[in-house]
Amino acid sequence: MSNYIEPEAGFRIYPIRGYHGFFHLLFDAKHREAVLIDTGLVGEMPRLKRVLQELELDWPNIRAILLTHGHLDHTGNLSRLKELTGAPVLAHPLDQPHIDGTFPYRGPSRLCGWMEGVGRSLFVYQGIPIDQPIMPDDDLPFWGGLRVLHLPGHTEGHCGFYSERFNILFSGDLFASYWFSTHLPPVFLNSCPDQMASSLERVGALSPRFMIPNHYDRLDGERLRRAFDTLV
């Protein structure tokens, strides 16, 4: 059986690991449905398919695809998953240019733009339009309720998704945490670094008990929250 954590009976978080990070499938057993937070890049699709098979779900049981932001390692499987599931894509409208590959990178982040361009060519990437634009403090009717937390800095439209029911924040690329290193995204990956401090303060004020970013070594929301506190 695939690894998961279960904050409450019938509600599970499955980390779907690829070669560059994780995305997450949130499963609601009562309604026999799931949502995705991000879609990964390379190596994740077979793992996601295996989890669905274990849960006796099919692609259409995925009700929505929520994007924290539009960088390639979060949208690499987006068009394929949209095709398989028919699920609506929800993201902040400011990140549509990132999803499309048309964002005008400036300053140090031009390196990020170059990397994204190479990746899109290598993986024959296809951007797709956002179906449902999300805005700060929107309440989404998935997995017992998720609230949109706008956390710009990494990108203008970067968002987290907060479960008040379970006191968990899915924080995207606000930070990364590995065994010997907890850090903010490197400066060349951030499109609007001047907004990062206010996003960190916003999360500090929210003070979630658990935090789950997209880049970490082991899924332990309490330990990752402590790592974030130490970083800040």
Foldseek 3Di string as FASTA:
>chain_A
DADWDDLDPQWIWGWQDFPFWTWIWIGRRVVRAIETEFDAAHDRPVVVVVVCVVSVHFLQSHAAYEYLAQQCRRCNCPVVSCVRHVHAYEFAPQRLCSLQLNDDADDLLVVVSVVSVVSCVVSVGHGDDHPHYDDAQDWDPPRQIWGWHQQAWLGRGRIWIADPVSLEIAREQLWAEEDVDIGHPPNNRTRHNVRSVVSLVVCVVSVGCFYHYGHYDDPDRNVVSVSSVVHD
